[in-house]
All heavy atoms as atom14 arrays in JSON, in Angstrom:
{
  "sequence": "MEPTDLPEDFRISRSLSANIRRQYKHKSFYKAVN",
  "atom14_mask": [
    [1, 1, 1, 1, 1, 1, 1, 1, 0, 0, 0, 0, 0, 0],
    [1, 1, 1, 1, 1, 1, 1, 1, 1, 0, 0, 0, 0, 0],
    [1, 1, 1, 1, 1, 1, 1, 0, 0, 0, 0, 0, 0, 0],
    [1, 1, 1, 1, 1, 1, 1, 0, 0, 0, 0, 0, 0, 0],
    [1, 1, 1, 1, 1, 1, 1, 1, 0, 0, 0, 0, 0, 0],
    [1, 1, 1, 1, 1, 1, 1, 1, 0, 0, 0, 0, 0, 0],
    [1, 1, 1, 1, 1, 1, 1, 0, 0, 0, 0, 0, 0, 0],
    [1, 1, 1, 1, 1, 1, 1, 1, 1, 0, 0, 0, 0, 0],
    [1, 1, 1, 1, 1, 1, 1, 1, 0, 0, 0, 0, 0, 0],
    [1, 1, 1, 1, 1, 1, 1, 1, 1, 1, 1, 0, 0, 0],
    [1, 1, 1, 1, 1, 1, 1, 1, 1, 1, 1, 0, 0, 0],
    [1, 1, 1, 1, 1, 1, 1, 1, 0, 0, 0, 0, 0, 0],
    [1, 1, 1, 1, 1, 1, 0, 0, 0, 0, 0, 0, 0, 0],
    [1, 1, 1, 1, 1, 1, 1, 1, 1, 1, 1, 0, 0, 0],
    [1, 1, 1, 1, 1, 1, 0, 0, 0, 0, 0, 0, 0, 0],
    [1, 1, 1, 1, 1, 1, 1, 1, 0, 0, 0, 0, 0, 0],
    [1, 1, 1, 1, 1, 1, 0, 0, 0, 0, 0, 0, 0, 0],
    [1, 1, 1, 1, 1, 0, 0, 0, 0, 0, 0, 0, 0, 0],
    [1, 1, 1, 1, 1, 1, 1, 1, 0, 0, 0, 0, 0, 0],
    [1, 1, 1, 1, 1, 1, 1, 1, 0, 0, 0, 0, 0, 0],
    [1, 1, 1, 1, 1, 1, 1, 1, 1, 1, 1, 0, 0, 0],
    [1, 1, 1, 1, 1, 1, 1, 1, 1, 1, 1, 0, 0, 0],
    [1, 1, 1, 1, 1, 1, 1, 1, 1, 0, 0, 0, 0, 0],
    [1, 1, 1, 1, 1, 1, 1, 1, 1, 1, 1, 1, 0, 0],
    [1, 1, 1, 1, 1, 1, 1, 1, 1, 0, 0, 0, 0, 0],
    [1, 1, 1, 1, 1, 1, 1, 1, 1, 1, 0, 0, 0, 0],
    [1, 1, 1, 1, 1, 1, 1, 1, 1, 0, 0, 0, 0, 0],
    [1, 1, 1, 1, 1, 1, 0, 0, 0, 0, 0, 0, 0, 0],
    [1, 1, 1, 1, 1, 1, 1, 1, 1, 1, 1, 0, 0, 0],
    [1, 1, 1, 1, 1, 1, 1, 1, 1, 1, 1, 1, 0, 0],
    [1, 1, 1, 1, 1, 1, 1, 1, 1, 0, 0, 0, 0, 0],
    [1, 1, 1, 1, 1, 0, 0, 0, 0, 0, 0, 0, 0, 0],
    [1, 1, 1, 1, 1, 1, 1, 0, 0, 0, 0, 0, 0, 0],
    [1, 1, 1, 1, 1, 1, 1, 1, 0, 0, 0, 0, 0, 0]
  ],
  "atom14_positions": [
    [[-8.0, -12.92, 12.34], [-7.39, -13.94, 11.5], [-5.86, -13.94, 11.66], [-5.25, -12.88, 11.77], [-7.75, -13.7, 10.02], [-9.22, -13.85, 9.7], [-9.54, -13.69, 7.92], [-9.12, -11.97, 7.63], [0.0, 0.0, 0.0], [0.0, 0.0, 0.0], [0.0, 0.0, 0.0], [0.0, 0.0, 0.0], [0.0, 0.0, 0.0], [0.0, 0.0, 0.0]],
    [[-5.29, -15.11, 11.64], [-3.83, -15.24, 11.63], [-3.34, -15.01, 10.2], [-3.96, -15.49, 9.25], [-3.42, -16.63, 12.1], [-3.86, -16.97, 13.51], [-2.97, -16.33, 14.56], [-1.76, -16.15, 14.29], [-3.47, -16.01, 15.66], [0.0, 0.0, 0.0], [0.0, 0.0, 0.0], [0.0, 0.0, 0.0], [0.0, 0.0, 0.0], [0.0, 0.0, 0.0]],
    [[-2.24, -14.3, 10.02], [-1.71, -14.09, 8.67], [-1.25, -15.42, 8.08], [-0.68, -16.26, 8.78], [-0.54, -13.13, 8.89], [-0.11, -13.4, 10.31], [-1.38, -13.7, 11.06], [0.0, 0.0, 0.0], [0.0, 0.0, 0.0], [0.0, 0.0, 0.0], [0.0, 0.0, 0.0], [0.0, 0.0, 0.0], [0.0, 0.0, 0.0], [0.0, 0.0, 0.0]],
    [[-1.49, -15.61, 6.81], [-1.17, -16.89, 6.16], [0.01, -16.83, 5.22], [0.56, -17.87, 4.85], [-2.39, -17.39, 5.37], [-2.8, -16.37, 4.44], [-3.56, -17.7, 6.31], [0.0, 0.0, 0.0], [0.0, 0.0, 0.0], [0.0, 0.0, 0.0], [0.0, 0.0, 0.0], [0.0, 0.0, 0.0], [0.0, 0.0, 0.0], [0.0, 0.0, 0.0]],
    [[0.44, -15.62, 4.84], [1.42, -15.53, 3.75], [2.61, -14.62, 4.03], [3.41, -14.37, 3.11], [0.72, -15.06, 2.47], [-0.38, -16.02, 2.04], [-0.04, -17.11, 1.53], [-1.56, -15.69, 2.25], [0.0, 0.0, 0.0], [0.0, 0.0, 0.0], [0.0, 0.0, 0.0], [0.0, 0.0, 0.0], [0.0, 0.0, 0.0], [0.0, 0.0, 0.0]],
    [[2.77, -14.12, 5.23], [3.94, -13.29, 5.52], [5.2, -14.16, 5.52], [5.2, -15.26, 6.07], [3.8, -12.61, 6.89], [2.99, -11.32, 6.96], [2.95, -10.82, 8.4], [3.55, -10.25, 6.04], [0.0, 0.0, 0.0], [0.0, 0.0, 0.0], [0.0, 0.0, 0.0], [0.0, 0.0, 0.0], [0.0, 0.0, 0.0], [0.0, 0.0, 0.0]],
    [[6.27, -13.69, 4.92], [7.53, -14.46, 4.95], [8.08, -14.54, 6.37], [7.84, -13.65, 7.19], [8.45, -13.66, 4.03], [7.9, -12.27, 4.05], [6.42, -12.42, 4.18], [0.0, 0.0, 0.0], [0.0, 0.0, 0.0], [0.0, 0.0, 0.0], [0.0, 0.0, 0.0], [0.0, 0.0, 0.0], [0.0, 0.0, 0.0], [0.0, 0.0, 0.0]],
    [[8.82, -15.59, 6.65], [9.36, -15.81, 7.99], [10.32, -14.71, 8.42], [10.5, -14.46, 9.61], [10.06, -17.17, 8.05], [9.11, -18.36, 8.06], [8.23, -18.38, 9.3], [8.7, -17.96, 10.38], [7.06, -18.81, 9.18], [0.0, 0.0, 0.0], [0.0, 0.0, 0.0], [0.0, 0.0, 0.0], [0.0, 0.0, 0.0], [0.0, 0.0, 0.0]],
    [[10.95, -14.04, 7.44], [11.9, -12.98, 7.78], [11.24, -11.6, 7.85], [11.92, -10.57, 7.85], [13.05, -12.96, 6.79], [12.59, -12.68, 5.35], [11.37, -12.64, 5.12], [13.46, -12.5, 4.48], [0.0, 0.0, 0.0], [0.0, 0.0, 0.0], [0.0, 0.0, 0.0], [0.0, 0.0, 0.0], [0.0, 0.0, 0.0], [0.0, 0.0, 0.0]],
    [[9.92, -11.56, 7.9], [9.2, -10.28, 7.99], [9.64, -9.53, 9.23], [9.68, -10.06, 10.33], [7.69, -10.54, 8.05], [6.89, -9.31, 8.41], [6.73, -8.28, 7.5], [6.29, -9.19, 9.66], [6.0, -7.15, 7.82], [5.55, -8.07, 9.99], [5.4, -7.04, 9.08], [0.0, 0.0, 0.0], [0.0, 0.0, 0.0], [0.0, 0.0, 0.0]],
    [[10.0, -8.26, 9.03], [10.42, -7.4, 10.14], [9.37, -6.33, 10.4], [8.84, -5.72, 9.48], [11.76, -6.73, 9.83], [12.93, -7.68, 9.64], [13.21, -8.46, 10.93], [13.51, -7.58, 12.05], [14.73, -7.14, 12.35], [15.77, -7.49, 11.59], [14.93, -6.36, 13.39], [0.0, 0.0, 0.0], [0.0, 0.0, 0.0], [0.0, 0.0, 0.0]],
    [[9.13, -6.09, 11.66], [8.12, -5.11, 12.06], [8.49, -3.71, 11.58], [7.63, -2.9, 11.22], [7.94, -5.12, 13.59], [7.37, -6.48, 14.04], [7.03, -3.99, 14.05], [7.34, -6.67, 15.54], [0.0, 0.0, 0.0], [0.0, 0.0, 0.0], [0.0, 0.0, 0.0], [0.0, 0.0, 0.0], [0.0, 0.0, 0.0], [0.0, 0.0, 0.0]],
    [[9.78, -3.43, 11.54], [10.24, -2.09, 11.16], [10.13, -1.82, 9.66], [10.28, -0.69, 9.22], [11.7, -1.89, 11.6], [12.53, -2.87, 11.0], [0.0, 0.0, 0.0], [0.0, 0.0, 0.0], [0.0, 0.0, 0.0], [0.0, 0.0, 0.0], [0.0, 0.0, 0.0], [0.0, 0.0, 0.0], [0.0, 0.0, 0.0], [0.0, 0.0, 0.0]],
    [[9.86, -2.84, 8.9], [9.8, -2.68, 7.44], [8.61, -1.82, 7.03], [7.48, -2.04, 7.47], [9.7, -4.05, 6.79], [9.59, -3.99, 5.28], [9.4, -5.38, 4.71], [8.81, -5.34, 3.38], [8.18, -6.35, 2.82], [8.04, -7.48, 3.47], [7.67, -6.23, 1.61], [0.0, 0.0, 0.0], [0.0, 0.0, 0.0], [0.0, 0.0, 0.0]],
    [[8.85, -0.85, 6.18], [7.77, -0.01, 5.68], [6.99, -0.74, 4.6], [7.58, -1.36, 3.7], [8.33, 1.3, 5.12], [7.31, 2.07, 4.51], [0.0, 0.0, 0.0], [0.0, 0.0, 0.0], [0.0, 0.0, 0.0], [0.0, 0.0, 0.0], [0.0, 0.0, 0.0], [0.0, 0.0, 0.0], [0.0, 0.0, 0.0], [0.0, 0.0, 0.0]],
    [[5.68, -0.68, 4.68], [4.82, -1.36, 3.72], [3.95, -0.38, 2.95], [2.92, -0.74, 2.39], [3.93, -2.38, 4.45], [4.68, -3.5, 5.16], [3.77, -4.23, 6.12], [5.26, -4.46, 4.14], [0.0, 0.0, 0.0], [0.0, 0.0, 0.0], [0.0, 0.0, 0.0], [0.0, 0.0, 0.0], [0.0, 0.0, 0.0], [0.0, 0.0, 0.0]],
    [[4.37, 0.89, 2.93], [3.59, 1.94, 2.29], [3.91, 1.98, 0.8], [4.95, 2.48, 0.39], [3.9, 3.29, 2.94], [3.1, 4.31, 2.39], [0.0, 0.0, 0.0], [0.0, 0.0, 0.0], [0.0, 0.0, 0.0], [0.0, 0.0, 0.0], [0.0, 0.0, 0.0], [0.0, 0.0, 0.0], [0.0, 0.0, 0.0], [0.0, 0.0, 0.0]],
    [[3.03, 1.43, -0.03], [3.23, 1.42, -1.48], [2.96, 2.81, -2.06], [2.26, 3.63, -1.45], [2.3, 0.4, -2.13], [0.0, 0.0, 0.0], [0.0, 0.0, 0.0], [0.0, 0.0, 0.0], [0.0, 0.0, 0.0], [0.0, 0.0, 0.0], [0.0, 0.0, 0.0], [0.0, 0.0, 0.0], [0.0, 0.0, 0.0], [0.0, 0.0, 0.0]],
    [[3.49, 3.06, -3.23], [3.3, 4.35, -3.89], [1.96, 4.36, -4.63], [1.91, 4.36, -5.86], [4.44, 4.64, -4.85], [4.45, 6.09, -5.32], [3.5, 6.84, -5.08], [5.51, 6.49, -5.99], [0.0, 0.0, 0.0], [0.0, 0.0, 0.0], [0.0, 0.0, 0.0], [0.0, 0.0, 0.0], [0.0, 0.0, 0.0], [0.0, 0.0, 0.0]],
    [[0.88, 4.39, -3.86], [-0.45, 4.36, -4.47], [-0.79, 5.67, -5.15], [-1.65, 5.72, -6.03], [-1.54, 4.0, -3.44], [-1.59, 5.03, -2.31], [-1.31, 2.59, -2.88], [-2.77, 4.82, -1.36], [0.0, 0.0, 0.0], [0.0, 0.0, 0.0], [0.0, 0.0, 0.0], [0.0, 0.0, 0.0], [0.0, 0.0, 0.0], [0.0, 0.0, 0.0]],
    [[-0.13, 6.75, -4.77], [-0.4, 8.04, -5.41], [0.0, 7.98, -6.88], [-0.69, 8.54, -7.73], [0.34, 9.17, -4.69], [-0.09, 9.37, -3.25], [0.45, 10.68, -2.67], [-0.06, 11.81, -3.4], [0.71, 12.72, -4.01], [2.04, 12.61, -3.98], [0.17, 13.73, -4.65], [0.0, 0.0, 0.0], [0.0, 0.0, 0.0], [0.0, 0.0, 0.0]],
    [[1.09, 7.34, -7.17], [1.51, 7.18, -8.56], [0.65, 6.13, -9.26], [0.25, 6.3, -10.41], [2.98, 6.79, -8.63], [3.5, 6.54, -10.05], [4.96, 6.17, -10.03], [5.77, 7.26, -9.5], [7.09, 7.18, -9.27], [7.72, 6.03, -9.52], [7.75, 8.21, -8.81], [0.0, 0.0, 0.0], [0.0, 0.0, 0.0], [0.0, 0.0, 0.0]],
    [[0.38, 5.05, -8.56], [-0.39, 3.95, -9.14], [-1.76, 4.4, -9.62], [-2.21, 4.03, -10.71], [-0.54, 2.83, -8.11], [-1.39, 1.66, -8.56], [-1.62, 0.66, -7.43], [-0.91, 0.66, -6.43], [-2.62, -0.19, -7.6], [0.0, 0.0, 0.0], [0.0, 0.0, 0.0], [0.0, 0.0, 0.0], [0.0, 0.0, 0.0], [0.0, 0.0, 0.0]],
    [[-2.44, 5.21, -8.81], [-3.79, 5.64, -9.14], [-3.83, 7.02, -9.81], [-4.91, 7.52, -10.11], [-4.66, 5.69, -7.88], [-5.05, 4.35, -7.32], [-4.26, 3.71, -6.37], [-6.23, 3.73, -7.72], [-4.63, 2.49, -5.83], [-6.61, 2.51, -7.19], [-5.8, 1.89, -6.24], [-6.17, 0.68, -5.71], [0.0, 0.0, 0.0], [0.0, 0.0, 0.0]],
    [[-2.65, 7.63, -10.0], [-2.6, 9.0, -10.52], [-3.46, 9.91, -9.65], [-4.54, 10.35, -10.03], [-3.05, 9.05, -11.99], [-2.18, 8.23, -12.91], [-2.63, 8.31, -14.36], [-1.72, 7.5, -15.26], [-2.16, 7.52, -16.69], [0.0, 0.0, 0.0], [0.0, 0.0, 0.0], [0.0, 0.0, 0.0], [0.0, 0.0, 0.0], [0.0, 0.0, 0.0]],
    [[-2.91, 10.19, -8.48], [-3.67, 10.79, -7.39], [-4.46, 12.03, -7.79], [-5.64, 12.17, -7.47], [-2.71, 11.13, -6.23], [-3.42, 11.54, -4.98], [-2.76, 12.04, -3.88], [-4.75, 11.55, -4.64], [-3.63, 12.33, -2.93], [-4.84, 12.05, -3.36], [0.0, 0.0, 0.0], [0.0, 0.0, 0.0], [0.0, 0.0, 0.0], [0.0, 0.0, 0.0]],
    [[-3.83, 12.96, -8.47], [-4.51, 14.22, -8.79], [-5.75, 13.98, -9.66], [-6.82, 14.54, -9.4], [-3.56, 15.19, -9.48], [-2.5, 15.76, -8.55], [-1.7, 16.87, -9.22], [-0.71, 17.48, -8.23], [0.06, 18.6, -8.81], [0.0, 0.0, 0.0], [0.0, 0.0, 0.0], [0.0, 0.0, 0.0], [0.0, 0.0, 0.0], [0.0, 0.0, 0.0]],
    [[-5.6, 13.13, -10.65], [-6.73, 12.83, -11.53], [-7.81, 12.06, -10.78], [-9.01, 12.32, -10.93], [-6.26, 12.02, -12.74], [-5.31, 12.74, -13.49], [0.0, 0.0, 0.0], [0.0, 0.0, 0.0], [0.0, 0.0, 0.0], [0.0, 0.0, 0.0], [0.0, 0.0, 0.0], [0.0, 0.0, 0.0], [0.0, 0.0, 0.0], [0.0, 0.0, 0.0]],
    [[-7.39, 11.11, -9.95], [-8.32, 10.3, -9.18], [-9.12, 11.17, -8.2], [-10.35, 11.07, -8.12], [-7.57, 9.21, -8.42], [-8.45, 8.31, -7.6], [-9.06, 7.2, -8.16], [-8.69, 8.58, -6.25], [-9.89, 6.37, -7.41], [-9.51, 7.75, -5.49], [-10.11, 6.65, -6.08], [0.0, 0.0, 0.0], [0.0, 0.0, 0.0], [0.0, 0.0, 0.0]],
    [[-8.41, 12.03, -7.49], [-9.05, 12.91, -6.5], [-10.06, 13.84, -7.17], [-11.19, 14.02, -6.69], [-8.0, 13.73, -5.77], [-8.55, 14.65, -4.71], [-8.75, 14.19, -3.4], [-8.86, 15.97, -5.0], [-9.25, 15.03, -2.41], [-9.36, 16.82, -4.02], [-9.56, 16.35, -2.74], [-10.06, 17.19, -1.78], [0.0, 0.0, 0.0], [0.0, 0.0, 0.0]],
    [[-9.68, 14.39, -8.3], [-10.56, 15.3, -9.03], [-11.81, 14.59, -9.51], [-12.92, 15.13, -9.41], [-9.81, 15.91, -10.21], [-10.6, 16.94, -10.99], [-9.76, 17.55, -12.11], [-10.57, 18.58, -12.89], [-9.76, 19.18, -14.0], [0.0, 0.0, 0.0], [0.0, 0.0, 0.0], [0.0, 0.0, 0.0], [0.0, 0.0, 0.0], [0.0, 0.0, 0.0]],
    [[-11.66, 13.37, -10.02], [-12.8, 12.62, -10.53], [-13.78, 12.26, -9.42], [-14.99, 12.34, -9.59], [-12.32, 11.36, -11.24], [0.0, 0.0, 0.0], [0.0, 0.0, 0.0], [0.0, 0.0, 0.0], [0.0, 0.0, 0.0], [0.0, 0.0, 0.0], [0.0, 0.0, 0.0], [0.0, 0.0, 0.0], [0.0, 0.0, 0.0], [0.0, 0.0, 0.0]],
    [[-13.23, 11.87, -8.27], [-14.09, 11.44, -7.16], [-14.82, 12.62, -6.53], [-15.99, 12.52, -6.14], [-13.25, 10.71, -6.09], [-14.08, 10.46, -4.82], [-12.73, 9.39, -6.64], [0.0, 0.0, 0.0], [0.0, 0.0, 0.0], [0.0, 0.0, 0.0], [0.0, 0.0, 0.0], [0.0, 0.0, 0.0], [0.0, 0.0, 0.0], [0.0, 0.0, 0.0]],
    [[-14.13, 13.76, -6.44], [-14.68, 14.9, -5.7], [-15.29, 15.98, -6.6], [-15.74, 17.02, -6.08], [-13.58, 15.53, -4.84], [-13.13, 14.6, -3.73], [-13.79, 14.45, -2.71], [-11.96, 13.97, -3.93], [0.0, 0.0, 0.0], [0.0, 0.0, 0.0], [0.0, 0.0, 0.0], [0.0, 0.0, 0.0], [0.0, 0.0, 0.0], [0.0, 0.0, 0.0]]
  ]
}
């Protein structure tokens, strides 16, 4: 699929790694799943 919503000034070098560890409370999430 072709991307439909990336801004025209999107740069390849830009980091897109969100802080999901904080968002999901990693330690609690990992413990619950495992």
